[in-house]
Protein backbone atom coordinates (compact mmCIF):
# COMPACT_ATOMS: atom_id res chain seq x y z
CA MET A 1 48.37 17.53 11.78
CA VAL A 2 50.43 17.47 8.19
CA THR A 3 53.63 19.31 8.41
CA GLU A 4 55.03 22.04 5.45
CA CYS A 5 56.22 19.16 3.83
CA GLY A 6 53.16 16.88 3.45
CA THR A 7 54.20 14.37 5.76
CA THR A 8 52.60 13.67 9.30
CA LEU A 9 53.50 15.26 12.57
CA LEU A 10 53.97 11.36 13.44
CA GLU A 11 55.92 10.21 10.27
CA ARG A 12 58.30 13.57 10.46
CA THR A 13 58.72 12.92 14.29
CA ARG A 14 59.80 9.57 13.91
CA GLY A 15 62.68 10.29 11.22
CA ILE A 16 63.84 12.77 13.77
CA VAL A 17 63.86 10.13 16.59
CA ALA A 18 65.23 7.10 14.48
CA PRO A 19 69.01 7.75 14.89
CA TYR A 20 68.25 7.57 18.87
CA ALA A 21 66.44 4.76 19.36
CA GLY A 22 67.83 1.99 21.63
CA ARG A 23 70.96 4.73 22.38
CA GLU A 24 71.09 6.06 25.94
CA GLY A 25 71.70 9.59 26.83
CA MET A 26 70.04 11.01 23.80
CA LEU A 27 66.87 12.30 25.29
CA VAL A 28 67.64 15.92 25.07
CA HIS A 29 69.37 15.72 21.59
CA ALA A 30 66.17 14.18 20.65
CA LEU A 31 64.20 16.40 21.83
CA GLN A 32 66.26 19.39 20.50
CA ASP A 33 65.82 17.35 16.80
CA VAL A 34 62.25 17.58 17.56
CA GLN A 35 62.04 21.32 18.37
CA GLY A 36 64.52 21.98 15.51
CA VAL A 37 62.21 21.01 13.60
CA PHE A 38 59.09 21.72 14.87
CA GLY A 39 60.03 25.05 16.63
CA TYR A 40 58.80 23.69 20.02
CA LEU A 41 57.75 20.33 20.97
CA PRO A 42 54.14 19.00 20.34
CA GLU A 43 52.53 16.69 22.53
CA ASP A 44 51.89 14.23 19.87
CA ALA A 45 55.53 14.43 18.89
CA LEU A 46 56.66 13.44 22.51
CA ARG A 47 54.26 10.78 22.48
CA VAL A 48 56.20 9.38 19.69
CA LEU A 49 59.52 9.94 21.16
CA ALA A 50 58.02 8.53 24.67
CA GLU A 51 57.76 4.99 22.20
CA GLU A 52 60.97 5.00 19.84
CA LEU A 53 62.92 6.38 22.86
CA GLY A 54 61.22 3.25 25.42
CA VAL A 55 61.00 5.93 28.31
CA SER A 56 57.45 7.03 29.37
CA LEU A 57 55.88 10.29 28.93
CA SER A 58 56.14 11.57 32.26
CA HIS A 59 60.08 11.38 32.12
CA ILE A 60 60.46 13.15 28.97
CA TRP A 61 58.13 15.48 30.18
CA GLY A 62 60.68 16.09 33.25
CA VAL A 63 63.50 16.62 31.19
CA ALA A 64 61.76 19.07 29.10
CA SER A 65 60.70 21.20 31.76
CA PHE A 66 63.56 20.94 33.74
CA TYR A 67 64.97 23.57 30.92
CA ASP A 68 63.77 26.60 30.41
CA ARG A 69 64.91 26.65 26.38
CA PHE A 70 62.30 23.46 25.82
CA HIS A 71 59.26 24.76 24.40
CA PHE A 72 55.35 23.34 25.22
CA ILE A 73 53.83 25.73 22.65
CA ARG A 74 53.89 26.83 19.21
CA ARG A 75 56.17 30.18 19.51
CA GLY A 76 57.19 32.36 16.65
CA ARG A 77 60.01 32.46 14.12
CA ASN A 78 61.43 35.61 15.89
CA THR A 79 61.94 36.13 19.81
CA VAL A 80 62.63 39.27 21.50
CA ARG A 81 63.62 38.85 24.82
CA VAL A 82 63.79 41.61 27.24
CA CYS A 83 66.22 41.13 29.62
CA THR A 84 65.31 42.61 33.12
CA GLY A 85 68.01 41.73 35.19
CA THR A 86 70.07 44.93 37.80
CA ALA A 87 71.52 46.70 35.48
CA CYS A 88 69.42 46.67 32.96
CA GLN A 89 66.39 47.89 35.01
CA VAL A 90 68.49 50.57 36.51
CA GLN A 91 69.20 51.52 33.00
CA GLY A 92 65.32 51.47 32.04
CA SER A 93 64.32 47.97 30.81
CA ARG A 94 60.78 48.32 32.54
CA ASN A 95 60.25 51.38 29.57
CA VAL A 96 61.28 49.88 26.72
CA LEU A 97 59.59 46.35 27.08
CA GLN A 98 56.62 48.85 27.13
CA GLN A 99 58.03 50.26 23.49
CA VAL A 100 58.35 46.61 22.40
CA GLU A 101 54.88 45.38 23.35
CA LYS A 102 53.92 48.51 22.04
CA LEU A 103 56.07 47.76 18.73
CA LEU A 104 54.96 44.14 18.61
CA GLY A 105 50.84 44.67 19.79
CA LEU A 106 52.54 41.88 22.02
CA ARG A 107 52.69 41.19 26.02
CA ASN A 108 55.37 39.74 28.09
CA GLY A 109 55.13 35.84 27.02
CA GLU A 110 52.62 36.08 24.70
CA THR A 111 53.31 35.11 20.36
CA SER A 112 51.93 37.26 17.38
CA PRO A 113 48.87 35.35 15.75
CA ASP A 114 50.89 34.55 12.54
CA PHE A 115 53.45 33.35 14.89
CA SER A 116 56.31 36.26 13.00
CA PHE A 117 57.45 36.92 16.96
CA THR A 118 57.54 35.50 20.83
CA LEU A 119 58.45 38.25 22.91
CA GLU A 120 59.20 37.45 26.83
CA THR A 121 61.97 38.99 29.40
CA VAL A 122 65.19 37.45 30.91
CA ASN A 123 66.50 37.56 33.93
CA CYS A 124 69.94 38.56 32.44
CA VAL A 125 71.83 38.38 28.90
CA GLY A 126 75.26 39.45 30.24
CA CYS A 127 75.79 42.28 28.77
CA CYS A 128 75.56 44.52 31.83
CA GLY A 129 77.41 47.17 30.40
CA LEU A 130 75.14 47.77 27.54
CA ALA A 131 72.23 48.34 29.27
CA PRO A 132 69.12 48.12 29.04
CA VAL A 133 69.98 44.95 26.01
CA VAL A 134 66.82 43.52 24.09
CA THR A 135 67.69 40.03 22.26
CA VAL A 136 66.37 39.00 18.52
CA ASN A 137 66.88 35.99 17.54
CA ASN A 138 69.38 35.75 20.53
CA GLU A 139 71.50 38.76 18.85
CA VAL A 140 72.35 41.70 21.02
CA VAL A 141 70.09 44.67 19.99
CA PRO A 142 71.40 48.24 20.69
CA ALA A 143 67.93 49.95 22.29
CA PRO A 144 68.46 52.49 19.64
CA GLU A 145 68.26 50.29 16.73
CA MET A 146 65.64 47.84 18.23
CA GLU A 147 62.96 49.39 16.36
CA ARG A 148 64.36 49.49 12.93
CA VAL A 149 65.56 45.78 13.53
CA LEU A 150 62.10 44.80 14.29
CA ALA A 151 60.54 46.74 11.49
CA ASP A 152 63.15 44.56 9.01
CA LEU A 153 61.92 41.87 10.43
CA ARG A 154 58.42 42.19 9.86
CA LYS A 155 59.30 42.86 6.38
CA GLY A 156 61.03 39.51 5.92
CA ASN A 157 64.43 40.41 5.67
CA GLY A 158 66.29 39.50 8.24
CA GLY A 159 66.80 42.50 10.46
CA ASN A 160 70.53 43.34 9.21
CA ASP A 161 70.98 45.86 6.54
């Protein structure tokens, strides 16, 4: 796999992991950096990580799969999360999810074919007073503004006017 910079995934991963080689307790940091570059944790990158850090691939898998922030499949550049916590359910999060699914043409858990969006639900984002809550790239978006923000993201202007 050749990355956008023309280097291979393996070369790129070795560069990311090099500062952590030989240092204990750095696995989560290395995983964050790998995911930060690729947007997810490609299996080949995890194999390089295992070699460079001298730990087993199963150990890396165990640590990475423990945290819900790590992803093993490629995700969209923009992540839309619909809160399904109790307060949001009471205030209509099911309808909001259906609206977002229709706007993006995705179902919960899917990523668009062009990798623009990933849609998922989350149990609570801690903004119960604003329920129902949607987050776009970790920013809380008031329900009335959601459609405009998603349209702006489709145009590529980041959703902030």
